[in-house]
Amino acid sequence: MLRDYLDRMSQWIRATLGPQLDELRGRINPLIAQGRARYDKLESRERILVQIGAALAAIFLLYNLIYSPIVDLSIGLDQEIVAREHDLTNVRRLAANYAAVKTDLESAEHSTVPQSKDFSLFSVVESAFTKSVGHDKIASITPADDKKLADGLVQYRVQLKLENVSLAQIVDALYSVRTLPVPVGIENLRVQRRSQNTHAYDVDITCVALGHNA
């Protein structure tokens, strides 16, 4: 890797700076000759100092021109690898989420009410609660707005309010929903004890069912 980098750098220098280098070499050669002549006249101790200075200068140039760029390139590659691994992790997470949602959707499709224009969750729920707790205990029953889901599914919702019911009647009401011939679930359930009678309760219930959008 280092050899390839040096070869590319040398080729680029020769192609780009060839004429300028030749001119510069012509000017530097006399200076080099003078420097060499002066170096030959130096004493042994002075030559050692000059050699140490030249070695330090060479190390400085090698560090800034070769080692530092290679280190920067390596760091850049490491950061790029980390970024790609992060992206891959996100893709895998999204794929797992998609698979989970797809599984939930397939399960929901098996729990849908029969596709029919005559189906009414309001009628089904009203009939079930009338039989389980009695019509007089139903303070209100109101169909909520349908919620459209993915792949042509729609969620039907009905809100009920029961008043002055016992715990046994609440259990009977929930059991009646559980045993309906069509798949109906309980989305929300709020039970509040009545202040006048601590053995009676008021209940808010939201029943839901999934069906195919007609």
Protein backbone atom coordinates (compact mmCIF):
# COMPACT_ATOMS: atom_id res chain seq x y z
CA MET A 1 0.00 0.00 0.00
CA LEU A 2 2.86 2.38 0.89
CA ARG A 3 4.77 1.46 -2.27
CA ASP A 4 1.73 2.13 -4.47
CA TYR A 5 1.23 5.48 -2.76
CA LEU A 6 4.87 6.45 -3.32
CA ASP A 7 4.76 5.35 -6.97
CA ARG A 8 1.63 7.39 -7.65
CA MET A 9 3.15 10.41 -5.92
CA SER A 10 6.38 10.08 -7.92
CA GLN A 11 4.51 9.78 -11.22
CA TRP A 12 2.38 12.79 -10.40
CA ILE A 13 5.43 14.86 -9.48
CA ARG A 14 7.27 13.90 -12.67
CA ALA A 15 4.25 14.60 -14.87
CA THR A 16 3.28 17.86 -13.24
CA LEU A 17 6.50 19.40 -12.04
CA GLY A 18 9.07 17.88 -14.45
CA PRO A 19 10.27 21.09 -16.17
CA GLN A 20 10.26 23.06 -12.95
CA LEU A 21 12.25 20.34 -11.20
CA ASP A 22 14.84 20.29 -13.94
CA GLU A 23 15.29 24.04 -13.64
CA LEU A 24 15.40 23.80 -9.88
CA ARG A 25 17.96 20.99 -10.07
CA GLY A 26 20.17 23.14 -12.25
CA ARG A 27 20.12 25.86 -9.61
CA ILE A 28 20.54 23.54 -6.64
CA ASN A 29 23.39 21.37 -7.94
CA PRO A 30 26.01 24.17 -7.55
CA LEU A 31 24.74 24.80 -4.05
CA ILE A 32 24.98 21.11 -3.27
CA ALA A 33 28.52 21.02 -4.57
CA GLN A 34 29.42 23.99 -2.38
CA GLY A 35 27.77 22.40 0.60
CA ARG A 36 29.58 19.12 0.01
CA ALA A 37 32.90 20.94 -0.21
CA ARG A 38 32.20 22.71 3.06
CA TYR A 39 31.09 19.43 4.64
CA ASP A 40 34.38 17.78 3.66
CA LYS A 41 36.24 20.58 5.44
CA LEU A 42 34.33 20.06 8.71
CA GLU A 43 35.77 18.31 11.69
CA SER A 44 34.38 14.93 12.83
CA ARG A 45 32.24 16.44 15.62
CA GLU A 46 30.77 19.04 13.25
CA ARG A 47 30.01 16.34 10.68
CA ILE A 48 28.10 14.34 13.32
CA LEU A 49 25.99 17.39 14.18
CA VAL A 50 25.26 18.01 10.51
CA GLN A 51 24.27 14.35 10.06
CA ILE A 52 21.95 14.52 13.05
CA GLY A 53 20.32 17.69 11.70
CA ALA A 54 19.90 16.09 8.26
CA ALA A 55 18.36 12.98 9.85
CA LEU A 56 15.88 15.10 11.82
CA ALA A 57 14.96 17.06 8.69
CA ALA A 58 14.45 13.81 6.78
CA ILE A 59 12.25 12.42 9.55
CA PHE A 60 10.21 15.63 9.57
CA LEU A 61 9.68 15.45 5.78
CA LEU A 62 8.84 11.75 5.84
CA TYR A 63 6.32 12.31 8.62
CA ASN A 64 4.52 15.18 6.92
CA LEU A 65 4.70 13.95 3.33
CA ILE A 66 4.21 10.20 3.77
CA TYR A 67 3.25 8.99 7.24
CA SER A 68 0.68 11.68 8.08
CA PRO A 69 -1.26 11.37 4.78
CA ILE A 70 -1.33 7.58 5.15
CA VAL A 71 -2.63 7.84 8.71
CA ASP A 72 -5.30 10.34 7.62
CA LEU A 73 -6.33 7.99 4.80
CA SER A 74 -6.53 5.07 7.23
CA ILE A 75 -8.64 7.08 9.67
CA GLY A 76 -10.94 8.13 6.83
CA LEU A 77 -11.36 4.50 5.76
CA ASP A 78 -12.08 3.42 9.34
CA GLN A 79 -14.73 6.12 9.68
CA GLU A 80 -16.26 5.09 6.36
CA ILE A 81 -16.38 1.47 7.50
CA VAL A 82 -18.05 2.45 10.78
CA ALA A 83 -20.62 4.53 8.88
CA ARG A 84 -21.37 1.64 6.52
CA GLU A 85 -21.73 -0.77 9.43
CA HIS A 86 -24.13 1.69 11.09
CA ASP A 87 -26.16 1.90 7.88
CA LEU A 88 -26.22 -1.90 7.63
CA THR A 89 -27.46 -2.16 11.22
CA ASN A 90 -30.26 0.30 10.45
CA VAL A 91 -31.25 -1.63 7.34
CA ARG A 92 -31.37 -4.89 9.29
CA ARG A 93 -33.46 -3.23 12.01
CA LEU A 94 -35.90 -1.85 9.46
CA ALA A 95 -36.12 -5.25 7.78
CA ALA A 96 -36.88 -6.89 11.14
CA ASN A 97 -39.55 -4.25 11.88
CA TYR A 98 -41.10 -4.82 8.45
CA ALA A 99 -41.18 -8.57 9.00
CA ALA A 100 -42.81 -8.10 12.41
CA VAL A 101 -45.43 -5.70 11.02
CA LYS A 102 -46.12 -8.07 8.13
CA THR A 103 -46.61 -10.95 10.56
CA ASP A 104 -48.96 -8.87 12.71
CA LEU A 105 -50.91 -7.83 9.63
CA GLU A 106 -51.26 -11.42 8.44
CA SER A 107 -52.43 -12.40 11.92
CA ALA A 108 -54.91 -9.52 11.91
CA GLU A 109 -56.28 -10.61 8.55
CA HIS A 110 -57.15 -13.99 10.07
CA SER A 111 -59.05 -12.16 12.84
CA THR A 112 -61.28 -10.03 10.65
CA VAL A 113 -65.04 -10.01 10.68
CA PRO A 114 -66.81 -11.47 7.63
CA GLN A 115 -66.71 -9.12 4.66
CA SER A 116 -70.30 -8.01 4.28
CA LYS A 117 -72.07 -4.72 3.69
CA ASP A 118 -74.68 -5.79 6.25
CA PHE A 119 -72.17 -6.20 9.10
CA SER A 120 -72.66 -3.73 11.95
CA LEU A 121 -70.42 -3.80 14.99
CA PHE A 122 -72.92 -1.52 16.71
CA SER A 123 -75.69 -4.14 16.40
CA VAL A 124 -73.43 -7.01 17.45
CA VAL A 125 -72.18 -5.21 20.56
CA GLU A 126 -75.59 -3.85 21.56
CA SER A 127 -77.10 -7.32 21.35
CA ALA A 128 -74.29 -8.88 23.40
CA PHE A 129 -74.44 -6.32 26.21
CA THR A 130 -78.23 -6.31 26.31
CA LYS A 131 -78.19 -10.06 26.89
CA SER A 132 -75.36 -9.98 29.47
CA VAL A 133 -76.21 -6.95 31.65
CA GLY A 134 -79.61 -5.79 30.42
CA HIS A 135 -80.63 -2.83 28.30
CA ASP A 136 -81.32 -0.67 31.35
CA LYS A 137 -77.64 -0.80 32.36
CA ILE A 138 -76.47 0.61 29.02
CA ALA A 139 -76.30 4.36 29.57
CA SER A 140 -75.04 5.04 26.05
CA ILE A 141 -73.70 3.22 23.02
CA THR A 142 -72.11 5.22 20.23
CA PRO A 143 -70.33 4.10 17.05
CA ALA A 144 -66.95 5.85 16.70
CA ASP A 145 -65.26 6.82 13.46
CA ASP A 146 -63.83 3.92 11.51
CA LYS A 147 -60.05 3.86 11.22
CA LYS A 148 -58.55 2.82 7.89
CA LEU A 149 -55.46 0.62 8.17
CA ALA A 150 -52.99 -0.76 5.65
CA ASP A 151 -53.81 -3.27 2.91
CA GLY A 152 -57.50 -2.43 2.73
CA LEU A 153 -58.31 -3.13 6.39
CA VAL A 154 -60.61 -0.97 8.45
CA GLN A 155 -61.06 -0.88 12.24
CA TYR A 156 -64.65 -0.54 13.46
CA ARG A 157 -65.12 0.96 16.93
CA VAL A 158 -68.09 1.27 19.29
CA GLN A 159 -68.03 3.10 22.63
CA LEU A 160 -70.30 2.03 25.49
CA LYS A 161 -71.02 3.35 28.94
CA LEU A 162 -72.52 1.04 31.56
CA GLU A 163 -73.97 2.43 34.78
CA ASN A 164 -74.64 0.88 38.18
CA VAL A 165 -73.35 -2.61 37.35
CA SER A 166 -71.81 -5.18 39.70
CA LEU A 167 -68.47 -6.90 39.27
CA ALA A 168 -70.27 -10.08 38.24
CA GLN A 169 -72.13 -8.18 35.52
CA ILE A 170 -68.85 -6.66 34.28
CA VAL A 171 -67.37 -10.15 34.02
CA ASP A 172 -70.47 -11.41 32.18
CA ALA A 173 -70.28 -8.46 29.77
CA LEU A 174 -66.62 -9.07 28.95
CA TYR A 175 -67.26 -12.80 28.57
CA SER A 176 -70.10 -12.10 26.17
CA VAL A 177 -67.74 -10.10 23.97
CA ARG A 178 -65.11 -12.83 24.19
CA THR A 179 -67.54 -15.52 23.05
CA LEU A 180 -69.10 -13.64 20.15
CA PRO A 181 -69.18 -15.60 16.86
CA VAL A 182 -67.20 -12.76 15.23
CA PRO A 183 -63.77 -11.54 16.45
CA VAL A 184 -64.46 -8.46 18.60
CA GLY A 185 -61.88 -7.07 21.03
CA ILE A 186 -61.75 -4.59 23.90
CA GLU A 187 -59.56 -1.56 23.11
CA ASN A 188 -60.23 0.49 26.26
CA LEU A 189 -61.79 -0.39 29.60
CA ARG A 190 -62.28 2.04 32.49
CA VAL A 191 -64.05 0.97 35.68
CA GLN A 192 -65.05 3.55 38.29
CA ARG A 193 -66.68 2.82 41.63
CA ARG A 194 -69.92 4.71 42.30
CA SER A 195 -69.87 7.03 45.28
CA GLN A 196 -73.47 6.27 46.27
CA ASN A 197 -72.99 2.47 46.23
CA THR A 198 -69.49 1.07 46.74
CA HIS A 199 -70.60 -2.30 45.34
CA ALA A 200 -71.69 -0.82 42.00
CA TYR A 201 -69.58 0.57 39.17
CA ASP A 202 -69.71 2.71 36.07
CA VAL A 203 -67.81 1.29 33.09
CA ASP A 204 -66.55 2.84 29.87
CA ILE A 205 -65.75 0.31 27.15
CA THR A 206 -64.50 0.63 23.59
CA CYS A 207 -65.08 -2.44 21.41
CA VAL A 208 -63.18 -2.89 18.17
CA ALA A 209 -63.27 -5.23 15.18
CA LEU A 210 -61.22 -5.54 12.02
CA GLY A 211 -62.76 -5.90 8.61
CA HIS A 212 -61.92 -5.45 4.97
CA ASN A 213 -62.75 -2.04 3.54
CA ALA A 214 -65.75 -2.41 1.29
